[in-house]
Amino acid sequence: ETLAILVKLCRRLGKHGDLSILIDHFLEIFSTSDSLQLQSALVLNEILRGGPVNADFTSTVLSTYLSSEHWDDESDGTSSRSGRRALLSCLLLDGDRKSG
Protein backbone atom coordinates (compact mmCIF):
# COMPACT_ATOMS: atom_id res chain seq x y z
CA GLU A 1 0.00 0.00 0.00
CA THR A 2 2.75 2.48 0.89
CA LEU A 3 4.64 1.74 -2.32
CA ALA A 4 1.48 2.24 -4.38
CA ILE A 5 0.92 5.65 -2.77
CA LEU A 6 4.55 6.63 -3.35
CA VAL A 7 4.34 5.59 -7.01
CA LYS A 8 1.13 7.59 -7.47
CA LEU A 9 2.65 10.66 -5.81
CA CYS A 10 5.84 10.48 -7.91
CA ARG A 11 3.86 10.12 -11.13
CA ARG A 12 1.76 13.15 -10.22
CA LEU A 13 4.93 15.11 -9.53
CA GLY A 14 6.15 14.04 -12.96
CA LYS A 15 2.93 15.21 -14.56
CA HIS A 16 2.46 18.49 -12.69
CA GLY A 17 5.85 19.36 -11.19
CA ASP A 18 8.92 21.11 -12.52
CA LEU A 19 10.77 18.18 -14.09
CA SER A 20 14.04 20.04 -14.36
CA ILE A 21 14.20 20.76 -10.63
CA LEU A 22 12.91 17.32 -9.62
CA ILE A 23 15.30 15.40 -11.85
CA ASP A 24 18.30 17.52 -10.91
CA HIS A 25 17.52 17.08 -7.22
CA PHE A 26 17.08 13.32 -7.30
CA LEU A 27 20.04 12.77 -9.63
CA GLU A 28 22.19 14.69 -7.16
CA ILE A 29 20.99 12.43 -4.34
CA PHE A 30 21.51 9.37 -6.53
CA SER A 31 25.08 10.40 -7.34
CA THR A 32 26.17 11.58 -3.90
CA SER A 33 24.43 9.39 -1.33
CA ASP A 34 25.06 5.66 -1.34
CA SER A 35 22.52 5.20 1.44
CA LEU A 36 19.74 6.85 -0.61
CA GLN A 37 20.69 5.61 -4.07
CA LEU A 38 18.02 2.91 -4.29
CA GLN A 39 15.25 5.23 -3.14
CA SER A 40 16.27 8.05 -5.47
CA ALA A 41 16.37 5.67 -8.46
CA LEU A 42 12.85 4.46 -7.66
CA VAL A 43 11.57 8.05 -7.33
CA LEU A 44 13.30 9.14 -10.57
CA ASN A 45 11.85 6.20 -12.50
CA GLU A 46 8.32 6.99 -11.35
CA ILE A 47 8.65 10.74 -11.94
CA LEU A 48 9.72 10.02 -15.52
CA ARG A 49 6.81 7.62 -16.00
CA GLY A 50 4.36 10.31 -14.92
CA GLY A 51 5.84 13.14 -16.94
CA PRO A 52 5.61 13.93 -20.60
CA VAL A 53 8.13 12.33 -22.94
CA ASN A 54 11.18 14.58 -22.94
CA ALA A 55 14.35 13.40 -24.66
CA ASP A 56 16.59 15.77 -22.68
CA PHE A 57 15.40 14.56 -19.27
CA THR A 58 15.43 10.93 -20.34
CA SER A 59 18.92 11.27 -21.78
CA THR A 60 20.22 12.92 -18.60
CA VAL A 61 18.83 10.21 -16.33
CA LEU A 62 19.95 7.36 -18.58
CA SER A 63 23.41 8.84 -18.91
CA THR A 64 23.72 8.88 -15.12
CA TYR A 65 22.26 5.39 -14.76
CA LEU A 66 24.58 3.95 -17.39
CA SER A 67 27.69 5.59 -15.97
CA SER A 68 30.31 2.95 -15.26
CA GLU A 69 30.63 4.07 -11.63
CA HIS A 70 27.15 2.64 -10.96
CA TRP A 71 27.88 -0.68 -12.67
CA ASP A 72 31.33 -1.45 -11.27
CA ASP A 73 31.31 -4.80 -9.54
CA GLU A 74 33.12 -3.79 -6.41
CA SER A 75 31.78 -6.25 -3.91
CA ASP A 76 33.14 -6.55 -0.40
CA GLY A 77 31.78 -10.08 -0.23
CA THR A 78 28.91 -9.37 2.15
CA SER A 79 25.47 -10.58 1.26
CA SER A 80 23.87 -7.22 2.16
CA ARG A 81 26.22 -5.37 -0.25
CA SER A 82 25.57 -7.93 -2.98
CA GLY A 83 21.82 -7.70 -2.39
CA ARG A 84 21.93 -3.92 -2.55
CA ARG A 85 23.89 -4.05 -5.83
CA ALA A 86 21.32 -6.48 -7.25
CA LEU A 87 18.44 -4.18 -6.28
CA LEU A 88 20.20 -1.16 -7.73
CA SER A 89 20.85 -3.03 -10.99
CA CYS A 90 17.15 -3.90 -11.22
CA LEU A 91 16.11 -0.28 -10.65
CA LEU A 92 18.61 1.04 -13.19
CA LEU A 93 17.48 -1.47 -15.78
CA ASP A 94 13.85 -0.68 -15.02
CA GLY A 95 14.54 3.01 -15.53
CA ASP A 96 16.31 2.25 -18.79
CA ARG A 97 13.42 0.09 -20.01
CA LYS A 98 10.63 2.47 -19.03
CA SER A 99 12.30 5.77 -19.80
CA GLY A 100 14.05 4.93 -23.02
PDB file of N, CA and C in Angstrom:
ATOM      1  N   GLU A   1       0.819  -1.191   0.000  1.00  0.00           N
ATOM      2  CA  GLU A   1       0.000   0.000   0.000  1.00  0.00           C
ATOM      3  C   GLU A   1       0.870   1.265   0.000  1.00  0.00           C
ATOM      4  N   THR A   2       1.881   1.308   0.828  1.00  0.00           N
ATOM      5  CA  THR A   2       2.749   2.475   0.891  1.00  0.00           C
ATOM      6  C   THR A   2       3.465   2.703  -0.434  1.00  0.00           C
ATOM      7  N   LEU A   3       3.955   1.618  -1.031  1.00  0.00           N
ATOM      8  CA  LEU A   3       4.643   1.740  -2.317  1.00  0.00           C
ATOM      9  C   LEU A   3       3.688   2.260  -3.386  1.00  0.00           C
ATOM     10  N   ALA A   4       2.464   1.785  -3.395  1.00  0.00           N
ATOM     11  CA  ALA A   4       1.477   2.241  -4.377  1.00  0.00           C
ATOM     12  C   ALA A   4       1.203   3.740  -4.233  1.00  0.00           C
ATOM     13  N   ILE A   5       1.140   4.218  -3.005  1.00  0.00           N
ATOM     14  CA  ILE A   5       0.920   5.651  -2.772  1.00  0.00           C
ATOM     15  C   ILE A   5       2.133   6.453  -3.224  1.00  0.00           C
ATOM     16  N   LEU A   6       3.329   5.954  -2.924  1.00  0.00           N
ATOM     17  CA  LEU A   6       4.553   6.629  -3.354  1.00  0.00           C
ATOM     18  C   LEU A   6       4.631   6.707  -4.875  1.00  0.00           C
ATOM     19  N   VAL A   7       4.320   5.623  -5.539  1.00  0.00           N
ATOM     20  CA  VAL A   7       4.340   5.590  -7.009  1.00  0.00           C
ATOM     21  C   VAL A   7       3.359   6.613  -7.564  1.00  0.00           C
ATOM     22  N   LYS A   8       2.161   6.645  -7.016  1.00  0.00           N
ATOM     23  CA  LYS A   8       1.134   7.585  -7.472  1.00  0.00           C
ATOM     24  C   LYS A   8       1.587   9.028  -7.271  1.00  0.00           C
ATOM     25  N   LEU A   9       2.165   9.312  -6.112  1.00  0.00           N
ATOM     26  CA  LEU A   9       2.652  10.658  -5.812  1.00  0.00           C
ATOM     27  C   LEU A   9       3.769  11.069  -6.776  1.00  0.00           C
ATOM     28  N   CYS A  10       4.723  10.170  -7.009  1.00  0.00           N
ATOM     29  CA  CYS A  10       5.838  10.483  -7.911  1.00  0.00           C
ATOM     30  C   CYS A  10       5.351  10.718  -9.339  1.00  0.00           C
ATOM     31  N   ARG A  11       4.394   9.935  -9.778  1.00  0.00           N
ATOM     32  CA  ARG A  11       3.861  10.117 -11.133  1.00  0.00           C
ATOM     33  C   ARG A  11       3.117  11.448 -11.252  1.00  0.00           C
ATOM     34  N   ARG A  12       2.429  11.838 -10.192  1.00  0.00           N
ATOM     35  CA  ARG A  12       1.762  13.150 -10.219  1.00  0.00           C
ATOM     36  C   ARG A  12       2.772  14.283 -10.236  1.00  0.00           C
ATOM     37  N   LEU A  13       3.846  14.113  -9.483  1.00  0.00           N
ATOM     38  CA  LEU A  13       4.926  15.108  -9.530  1.00  0.00           C
ATOM     39  C   LEU A  13       5.495  15.199 -10.941  1.00  0.00           C
ATOM     40  N   GLY A  14       5.654  14.056 -11.590  1.00  0.00           N
ATOM     41  CA  GLY A  14       6.151  14.042 -12.960  1.00  0.00           C
ATOM     42  C   GLY A  14       5.211  14.743 -13.923  1.00  0.00           C
ATOM     43  N   LYS A  15       3.932  14.614 -13.667  1.00  0.00           N
ATOM     44  CA  LYS A  15       2.933  15.211 -14.556  1.00  0.00           C
ATOM     45  C   LYS A  15       2.761  16.710 -14.302  1.00  0.00           C
ATOM     46  N   HIS A  16       2.787  17.112 -13.037  1.00  0.00           N
ATOM     47  CA  HIS A  16       2.456  18.494 -12.695  1.00  0.00           C
ATOM     48  C   HIS A  16       3.624  19.306 -12.149  1.00  0.00           C
ATOM     49  N   GLY A  17       4.732  18.655 -11.820  1.00  0.00           N
ATOM     50  CA  GLY A  17       5.848  19.358 -11.193  1.00  0.00           C
ATOM     51  C   GLY A  17       6.840  19.904 -12.210  1.00  0.00           C
ATOM     52  N   ASP A  18       7.836  20.576 -11.698  1.00  0.00           N
ATOM     53  CA  ASP A  18       8.924  21.115 -12.517  1.00  0.00           C
ATOM     54  C   ASP A  18       9.953  19.998 -12.703  1.00  0.00           C
ATOM     55  N   LEU A  19       9.908  19.338 -13.856  1.00  0.00           N
ATOM     56  CA  LEU A  19      10.766  18.180 -14.092  1.00  0.00           C
ATOM     57  C   LEU A  19      12.248  18.510 -13.976  1.00  0.00           C
ATOM     58  N   SER A  20      12.629  19.662 -14.424  1.00  0.00           N
ATOM     59  CA  SER A  20      14.040  20.037 -14.362  1.00  0.00           C
ATOM     60  C   SER A  20      14.545  20.052 -12.917  1.00  0.00           C
ATOM     61  N   ILE A  21      13.810  20.681 -12.039  1.00  0.00           N
ATOM     62  CA  ILE A  21      14.205  20.757 -10.631  1.00  0.00           C
ATOM     63  C   ILE A  21      14.144  19.380  -9.981  1.00  0.00           C
ATOM     64  N   LEU A  22      13.072  18.646 -10.221  1.00  0.00           N
ATOM     65  CA  LEU A  22      12.913  17.317  -9.621  1.00  0.00           C
ATOM     66  C   LEU A  22      14.027  16.362 -10.058  1.00  0.00           C
ATOM     67  N   ILE A  23      14.287  16.320 -11.339  1.00  0.00           N
ATOM     68  CA  ILE A  23      15.297  15.397 -11.855  1.00  0.00           C
ATOM     69  C   ILE A  23      16.687  15.798 -11.371  1.00  0.00           C
ATOM     70  N   ASP A  24      17.001  17.074 -11.418  1.00  0.00           N
ATOM     71  CA  ASP A  24      18.303  17.524 -10.911  1.00  0.00           C
ATOM     72  C   ASP A  24      18.483  17.153  -9.439  1.00  0.00           C
ATOM     73  N   HIS A  25      17.452  17.374  -8.652  1.00  0.00           N
ATOM     74  CA  HIS A  25      17.519  17.084  -7.220  1.00  0.00           C
ATOM     75  C   HIS A  25      17.757  15.598  -6.957  1.00  0.00           C
ATOM     76  N   PHE A  26      16.952  14.749  -7.582  1.00  0.00           N
ATOM     77  CA  PHE A  26      17.080  13.317  -7.303  1.00  0.00           C
ATOM     78  C   PHE A  26      18.308  12.692  -7.954  1.00  0.00           C
ATOM     79  N   LEU A  27      18.775  13.246  -9.066  1.00  0.00           N
ATOM     80  CA  LEU A  27      20.040  12.772  -9.633  1.00  0.00           C
ATOM     81  C   LEU A  27      21.210  13.139  -8.723  1.00  0.00           C
ATOM     82  N   GLU A  28      21.139  14.307  -8.102  1.00  0.00           N
ATOM     83  CA  GLU A  28      22.193  14.689  -7.159  1.00  0.00           C
ATOM     84  C   GLU A  28      22.224  13.721  -5.977  1.00  0.00           C
ATOM     85  N   ILE A  29      21.069  13.401  -5.443  1.00  0.00           N
ATOM     86  CA  ILE A  29      20.995  12.432  -4.344  1.00  0.00           C
ATOM     87  C   ILE A  29      21.511  11.072  -4.814  1.00  0.00           C
ATOM     88  N   PHE A  30      21.091  10.653  -5.981  1.00  0.00           N
ATOM     89  CA  PHE A  30      21.515   9.367  -6.534  1.00  0.00           C
ATOM     90  C   PHE A  30      23.035   9.298  -6.642  1.00  0.00           C
ATOM     91  N   SER A  31      23.640  10.385  -7.083  1.00  0.00           N
ATOM     92  CA  SER A  31      25.077  10.398  -7.341  1.00  0.00           C
ATOM     93  C   SER A  31      25.930  10.624  -6.096  1.00  0.00           C
ATOM     94  N   THR A  32      25.353  11.207  -5.059  1.00  0.00           N
ATOM     95  CA  THR A  32      26.174  11.581  -3.904  1.00  0.00           C
ATOM     96  C   THR A  32      25.887  10.796  -2.633  1.00  0.00           C
ATOM     97  N   SER A  33      24.782  10.077  -2.571  1.00  0.00           N
ATOM     98  CA  SER A  33      24.426   9.390  -1.330  1.00  0.00           C
ATOM     99  C   SER A  33      24.214   7.897  -1.577  1.00  0.00           C
ATOM    100  N   ASP A  34      25.198   7.100  -1.194  1.00  0.00           N
ATOM    101  CA  ASP A  34      25.058   5.656  -1.340  1.00  0.00           C
ATOM    102  C   ASP A  34      23.868   5.117  -0.558  1.00  0.00           C
ATOM    103  N   SER A  35      23.607   5.700   0.597  1.00  0.00           N
ATOM    104  CA  SER A  35      22.520   5.200   1.440  1.00  0.00           C
ATOM    105  C   SER A  35      21.137   5.511   0.876  1.00  0.00           C
ATOM    106  N   LEU A  36      21.038   6.490  -0.028  1.00  0.00           N
ATOM    107  CA  LEU A  36      19.739   6.854  -0.611  1.00  0.00           C
ATOM    108  C   LEU A  36      19.660   6.569  -2.116  1.00  0.00           C
ATOM    109  N   GLN A  37      20.623   5.853  -2.635  1.00  0.00           N
ATOM    110  CA  GLN A  37      20.688   5.610  -4.075  1.00  0.00           C
ATOM    111  C   GLN A  37      19.497   4.784  -4.583  1.00  0.00           C
ATOM    112  N   LEU A  38      19.152   3.739  -3.858  1.00  0.00           N
ATOM    113  CA  LEU A  38      18.020   2.907  -4.289  1.00  0.00           C
ATOM    114  C   LEU A  38      16.718   3.709  -4.306  1.00  0.00           C
ATOM    115  N   GLN A  39      16.484   4.462  -3.232  1.00  0.00           N
ATOM    116  CA  GLN A  39      15.250   5.233  -3.136  1.00  0.00           C
ATOM    117  C   GLN A  39      15.177   6.310  -4.213  1.00  0.00           C
ATOM    118  N   SER A  40      16.294   6.984  -4.461  1.00  0.00           N
ATOM    119  CA  SER A  40      16.267   8.047  -5.467  1.00  0.00           C
ATOM    120  C   SER A  40      16.060   7.475  -6.869  1.00  0.00           C
ATOM    121  N   ALA A  41      16.597   6.298  -7.156  1.00  0.00           N
ATOM    122  CA  ALA A  41      16.372   5.668  -8.458  1.00  0.00           C
ATOM    123  C   ALA A  41      14.895   5.317  -8.633  1.00  0.00           C
ATOM    124  N   LEU A  42      14.274   4.789  -7.592  1.00  0.00           N
ATOM    125  CA  LEU A  42      12.849   4.463  -7.657  1.00  0.00           C
ATOM    126  C   LEU A  42      12.024   5.722  -7.909  1.00  0.00           C
ATOM    127  N   VAL A  43      12.307   6.789  -7.173  1.00  0.00           N
ATOM    128  CA  VAL A  43      11.567   8.047  -7.332  1.00  0.00           C
ATOM    129  C   VAL A  43      11.777   8.610  -8.738  1.00  0.00           C
ATOM    130  N   LEU A  44      13.017   8.633  -9.213  1.00  0.00           N
ATOM    131  CA  LEU A  44      13.295   9.135 -10.571  1.00  0.00           C
ATOM    132  C   LEU A  44      12.529   8.349 -11.623  1.00  0.00           C
ATOM    133  N   ASN A  45      12.563   7.030 -11.522  1.00  0.00           N
ATOM    134  CA  ASN A  45      11.853   6.200 -12.502  1.00  0.00           C
ATOM    135  C   ASN A  45      10.373   6.551 -12.556  1.00  0.00           C
ATOM    136  N   GLU A  46       9.764   6.714 -11.393  1.00  0.00           N
ATOM    137  CA  GLU A  46       8.321   6.991 -11.354  1.00  0.00           C
ATOM    138  C   GLU A  46       7.998   8.418 -11.783  1.00  0.00           C
ATOM    139  N   ILE A  47       8.856   9.367 -11.464  1.00  0.00           N
ATOM    140  CA  ILE A  47       8.646  10.740 -11.938  1.00  0.00           C
ATOM    141  C   ILE A  47       8.673  10.760 -13.466  1.00  0.00           C
ATOM    142  N   LEU A  48       9.644  10.061 -14.058  1.00  0.00           N
ATOM    143  CA  LEU A  48       9.725  10.016 -15.524  1.00  0.00           C
ATOM    144  C   LEU A  48       8.515   9.326 -16.139  1.00  0.00           C
ATOM    145  N   ARG A  49       8.004   8.314 -15.478  1.00  0.00           N
ATOM    146  CA  ARG A  49       6.811   7.621 -15.996  1.00  0.00           C
ATOM    147  C   ARG A  49       5.594   8.536 -16.010  1.00  0.00           C
ATOM    148  N   GLY A  50       5.512   9.427 -15.023  1.00  0.00           N
ATOM    149  CA  GLY A  50       4.355  10.313 -14.923  1.00  0.00           C
ATOM    150  C   GLY A  50       4.438  11.528 -15.808  1.00  0.00           C
ATOM    151  N   GLY A  51       5.643  11.909 -16.174  1.00  0.00           N
ATOM    152  CA  GLY A  51       5.838  13.136 -16.937  1.00  0.00           C
ATOM    153  C   GLY A  51       5.696  12.929 -18.425  1.00  0.00           C
ATOM    154  N   PRO A  52       5.671  14.025 -19.146  1.00  0.00           N
ATOM    155  CA  PRO A  52       5.609  13.933 -20.603  1.00  0.00           C
ATOM    156  C   PRO A  52       6.939  13.400 -21.147  1.00  0.00           C
ATOM    157  N   VAL A  53       6.897  12.825 -22.321  1.00  0.00           N
ATOM    158  CA  VAL A  53       8.127  12.333 -22.938  1.00  0.00           C
ATOM    159  C   VAL A  53       9.018  13.528 -23.250  1.00  0.00           C
ATOM    160  N   ASN A  54      10.234  13.486 -22.732  1.00  0.00           N
ATOM    161  CA  ASN A  54      11.183  14.576 -22.942  1.00  0.00           C
ATOM    162  C   ASN A  54      12.555  13.959 -23.122  1.00  0.00           C
ATOM    163  N   ALA A  55      13.088  14.047 -24.328  1.00  0.00           N
ATOM    164  CA  ALA A  55      14.355  13.396 -24.657  1.00  0.00           C
ATOM    165  C   ALA A  55      15.506  13.923 -23.807  1.00  0.00           C
ATOM    166  N   ASP A  56      15.500  15.211 -23.483  1.00  0.00           N
ATOM    167  CA  ASP A  56      16.595  15.770 -22.682  1.00  0.00           C
ATOM    168  C   ASP A  56      16.621  15.179 -21.277  1.00  0.00           C
ATOM    169  N   PHE A  57      15.459  15.112 -20.615  1.00  0.00           N
ATOM    170  CA  PHE A  57      15.402  14.556 -19.267  1.00  0.00           C
ATOM    171  C   PHE A  57      15.752  13.071 -19.285  1.00  0.00           C
ATOM    172  N   THR A  58      15.175  12.364 -20.231  1.00  0.00           N
ATOM    173  CA  THR A  58      15.433  10.928 -20.338  1.00  0.00           C
ATOM    174  C   THR A  58      16.908  10.667 -20.575  1.00  0.00           C
ATOM    175  N   SER A  59      17.503  11.434 -21.464  1.00  0.00           N
ATOM    176  CA  SER A  59      18.922  11.273 -21.776  1.00  0.00           C
ATOM    177  C   SER A  59      19.788  11.547 -20.548  1.00  0.00           C
ATOM    178  N   THR A  60      19.456  12.572 -19.797  1.00  0.00           N
ATOM    179  CA  THR A  60      20.217  12.920 -18.599  1.00  0.00           C
ATOM    180  C   THR A  60      20.169  11.794 -17.571  1.00  0.00           C
ATOM    181  N   VAL A  61      18.979  11.279 -17.323  1.00  0.00           N
ATOM    182  CA  VAL A  61      18.825  10.210 -16.334  1.00  0.00           C
ATOM    183  C   VAL A  61      19.522   8.937 -16.812  1.00  0.00           C
ATOM    184  N   LEU A  62      19.315   8.572 -18.068  1.00  0.00           N
ATOM    185  CA  LEU A  62      19.949   7.357 -18.576  1.00  0.00           C
ATOM    186  C   LEU A  62      21.464   7.469 -18.595  1.00  0.00           C
ATOM    187  N   SER A  63      21.970   8.631 -18.921  1.00  0.00           N
ATOM    188  CA  SER A  63      23.413   8.842 -18.909  1.00  0.00           C
ATOM    189  C   SER A  63      23.981   8.601 -17.507  1.00  0.00           C
ATOM    190  N   THR A  64      23.282   9.100 -16.507  1.00  0.00           N
ATOM    191  CA  THR A  64      23.715   8.881 -15.123  1.00  0.00           C
ATOM    192  C   THR A  64      23.598   7.412 -14.751  1.00  0.00           C
ATOM    193  N   TYR A  65      22.467   6.800 -15.081  1.00  0.00           N
ATOM    194  CA  TYR A  65      22.256   5.390 -14.760  1.00  0.00           C
ATOM    195  C   TYR A  65      23.307   4.492 -15.413  1.00  0.00           C
ATOM    196  N   LEU A  66      23.672   4.815 -16.645  1.00  0.00           N
ATOM    197  CA  LEU A  66      24.579   3.946 -17.387  1.00  0.00           C
ATOM    198  C   LEU A  66      26.053   4.256 -17.142  1.00  0.00           C
ATOM    199  N   SER A  67      26.320   5.253 -16.329  1.00  0.00           N
ATOM    200  CA  SER A  67      27.688   5.592 -15.974  1.00  0.00           C
ATOM    201  C   SER A  67      28.370   4.387 -15.332  1.00  0.00           C
ATOM    202  N   SER A  68      29.605   4.142 -15.732  1.00  0.00           N
ATOM    203  CA  SER A  68      30.314   2.946 -15.262  1.00  0.00           C
ATOM    204  C   SER A  68      30.459   2.906 -13.744  1.00  0.00           C
ATOM    205  N   GLU A  69      30.472   4.066 -13.087  1.00  0.00           N
ATOM    206  CA  GLU A  69      30.627   4.066 -11.635  1.00  0.00           C
ATOM    207  C   GLU A  69      29.466   3.370 -10.930  1.00  0.00           C
ATOM    208  N   HIS A  70      28.294   3.305 -11.571  1.00  0.00           N
ATOM    209  CA  HIS A  70      27.145   2.643 -10.961  1.00  0.00           C
ATOM    210  C   HIS A  70      27.064   1.166 -11.329  1.00  0.00           C
ATOM    211  N   TRP A  71      27.893   0.715 -12.233  1.00  0.00           N
ATOM    212  CA  TRP A  71      27.879  -0.675 -12.675  1.00  0.00           C
ATOM    213  C   TRP A  71      29.124  -1.446 -12.262  1.00  0.00           C
ATOM    214  N   ASP A  72      30.114  -0.762 -11.701  1.00  0.00           N
ATOM    215  CA  ASP A  72      31.327  -1.450 -11.265  1.00  0.00           C
ATOM    216  C   ASP A  72      30.963  -2.530 -10.261  1.00  0.00           C
ATOM    217  N   ASP A  73      31.595  -3.666 -10.422  1.00  0.00           N
ATOM    218  CA  ASP A  73      31.305  -4.802  -9.542  1.00  0.00           C
ATOM    219  C   ASP A  73      32.309  -4.849  -8.394  1.00  0.00           C
ATOM    220  N   GLU A  74      32.248  -3.833  -7.567  1.00  0.00           N
ATOM    221  CA  GLU A  74      33.121  -3.789  -6.407  1.00  0.00           C
ATOM    222  C   GLU A  74      32.359  -4.348  -5.225  1.00  0.00           C
ATOM    223  N   SER A  75      32.503  -5.614  -4.994  1.00  0.00           N
ATOM    224  CA  SER A  75      31.782  -6.250  -3.905  1.00  0.00           C
ATOM    225  C   SER A  75      32.738  -6.539  -2.759  1.00  0.00           C
ATOM    226  N   ASP A  76      32.296  -6.249  -1.551  1.00  0.00           N
ATOM    227  CA  ASP A  76      33.135  -6.549  -0.402  1.00  0.00           C
ATOM    228  C   ASP A  76      32.852  -7.947   0.128  1.00  0.00           C
ATOM    229  N   GLY A  77      32.042  -8.697  -0.598  1.00  0.00           N
ATOM    230  CA  GLY A  77      31.780 -10.079  -0.227  1.00  0.00           C
ATOM    231  C   GLY A  77      30.619 -10.273   0.719  1.00  0.00           C
ATOM    232  N   THR A  78      30.020  -9.208   1.226  1.00  0.00           N
ATOM    233  CA  THR A  78      28.911  -9.373   2.151  1.00  0.00           C
ATOM    234  C   THR A  78      27.614  -9.553   1.375  1.00  0.00           C
ATOM    235  N   SER A  79      26.728 -10.324   1.951  1.00  0.00           N
ATOM    236  CA  SER A  79      25.467 -10.579   1.262  1.00  0.00           C
ATOM    237  C   SER A  79      24.604  -9.322   1.205  1.00  0.00           C
ATOM    238  N   SER A  80      24.690  -8.441   2.204  1.00  0.00           N
ATOM    239  CA  SER A  80      23.872  -7.223   2.156  1.00  0.00           C
ATOM    240  C   SER A  80      24.358  -6.302   1.039  1.00  0.00           C
ATOM    241  N   ARG A  81      25.667  -6.198   0.842  1.00  0.00           N
ATOM    242  CA  ARG A  81      26.220  -5.368  -0.246  1.00  0.00           C
ATOM    243  C   ARG A  81      25.829  -5.968  -1.590  1.00  0.00           C
ATOM    244  N   SER A  82      25.937  -7.280  -1.721  1.00  0.00           N
ATOM    245  CA  SER A  82      25.570  -7.934  -2.980  1.00  0.00           C
ATOM    246  C   SER A  82      24.079  -7.769  -3.259  1.00  0.00           C
ATOM    247  N   GLY A  83      23.262  -7.886  -2.227  1.00  0.00           N
ATOM    248  CA  GLY A  83      21.823  -7.704  -2.391  1.00  0.00           C
ATOM    249  C   GLY A  83      21.468  -6.291  -2.798  1.00  0.00           C
ATOM    250  N   ARG A  84      22.151  -5.318  -2.196  1.00  0.00           N
ATOM    251  CA  ARG A  84      21.932  -3.918  -2.546  1.00  0.00           C
ATOM    252  C   ARG A  84      22.316  -3.658  -3.992  1.00  0.00           C
ATOM    253  N   ARG A  85      23.452  -4.214  -4.443  1.00  0.00           N
ATOM    254  CA  ARG A  85      23.886  -4.047  -5.832  1.00  0.00           C
ATOM    255  C   ARG A  85      22.874  -4.679  -6.787  1.00  0.00           C
ATOM    256  N   ALA A  86      22.324  -5.819  -6.411  1.00  0.00           N
ATOM    257  CA  ALA A  86      21.323  -6.477  -7.253  1.00  0.00           C
ATOM    258  C   ALA A  86      20.066  -5.617  -7.371  1.00  0.00           C
ATOM    259  N   LEU A  87      19.610  -5.054  -6.246  1.00  0.00           N
ATOM    260  CA  LEU A  87      18.437  -4.177  -6.279  1.00  0.00           C
ATOM    261  C   LEU A  87      18.698  -2.936  -7.119  1.00  0.00           C
ATOM    262  N   LEU A  88      19.859  -2.347  -6.951  1.00  0.00           N
ATOM    263  CA  LEU A  88      20.197  -1.163  -7.734  1.00  0.00           C
ATOM    264  C   LEU A  88      20.237  -1.497  -9.222  1.00  0.00           C
ATOM    265  N   SER A  89      20.814  -2.614  -9.581  1.00  0.00           N
ATOM    266  CA  SER A  89      20.852  -3.032 -10.986  1.00  0.00           C
ATOM    267  C   SER A  89      19.444  -3.172 -11.547  1.00  0.00           C
ATOM    268  N   CYS A  90      18.549  -3.760 -10.775  1.00  0.00           N
ATOM    269  CA  CYS A  90      17.153  -3.904 -11.225  1.00  0.00           C
ATOM    270  C   CYS A  90      16.501  -2.548 -11.439  1.00  0.00           C
ATOM    271  N   LEU A  91      16.706  -1.609 -10.508  1.00  0.00           N
ATOM    272  CA  LEU A  91      16.115  -0.279 -10.648  1.00  0.00           C
ATOM    273  C   LEU A  91      16.695   0.465 -11.843  1.00  0.00           C
ATOM    274  N   LEU A  92      17.999   0.354 -12.053  1.00  0.00           N
ATOM    275  CA  LEU A  92      18.611   1.038 -13.188  1.00  0.00           C
ATOM    276  C   LEU A  92      18.114   0.457 -14.503  1.00  0.00           C
ATOM    277  N   LEU A  93      17.994  -0.848 -14.566  1.00  0.00           N
ATOM    278  CA  LEU A  93      17.479  -1.472 -15.782  1.00  0.00           C
ATOM    279  C   LEU A  93      16.013  -1.133 -15.994  1.00  0.00           C
ATOM    280  N   ASP A  94      15.250  -1.055 -14.913  1.00  0.00           N
ATOM    281  CA  ASP A  94      13.848  -0.679 -15.017  1.00  0.00           C
ATOM    282  C   ASP A  94      13.707   0.742 -15.528  1.00  0.00           C
ATOM    283  N   GLY A  95      14.561   1.629 -15.041  1.00  0.00           N
ATOM    284  CA  GLY A  95      14.543   3.007 -15.527  1.00  0.00           C
ATOM    285  C   GLY A  95      14.918   3.090 -16.996  1.00  0.00           C
ATOM    286  N   ASP A  96      15.881   2.293 -17.402  1.00  0.00           N
ATOM    287  CA  ASP A  96      16.311   2.254 -18.793  1.00  0.00           C
ATOM    288  C   ASP A  96      15.171   1.734 -19.692  1.00  0.00           C
ATOM    289  N   ARG A  97      14.498   0.699 -19.238  1.00  0.00           N
ATOM    290  CA  ARG A  97      13.415   0.094 -20.012  1.00  0.00           C
ATOM    291  C   ARG A  97      12.212   1.023 -20.125  1.00  0.00           C
ATOM    292  N   LYS A  98      11.833   1.641 -19.037  1.00  0.00           N
ATOM    293  CA  LYS A  98      10.628   2.466 -19.035  1.00  0.00           C
ATOM    294  C   LYS A  98      10.845   3.862 -19.576  1.00  0.00           C
ATOM    295  N   SER A  99      12.045   4.390 -19.407  1.00  0.00           N
ATOM    296  CA  SER A  99      12.303   5.775 -19.802  1.00  0.00           C
ATOM    297  C   SER A  99      12.789   5.881 -21.230  1.00  0.00           C
ATOM    298  N   GLY A 100      13.386   4.839 -21.733  1.00  0.00           N
ATOM    299  CA  GLY A 100      14.051   4.925 -23.024  1.00  0.00           C
ATOM    300  C   GLY A 100      13.210   4.672 -24.197  1.00  0.00           C
TER     301      GLY A 100
END
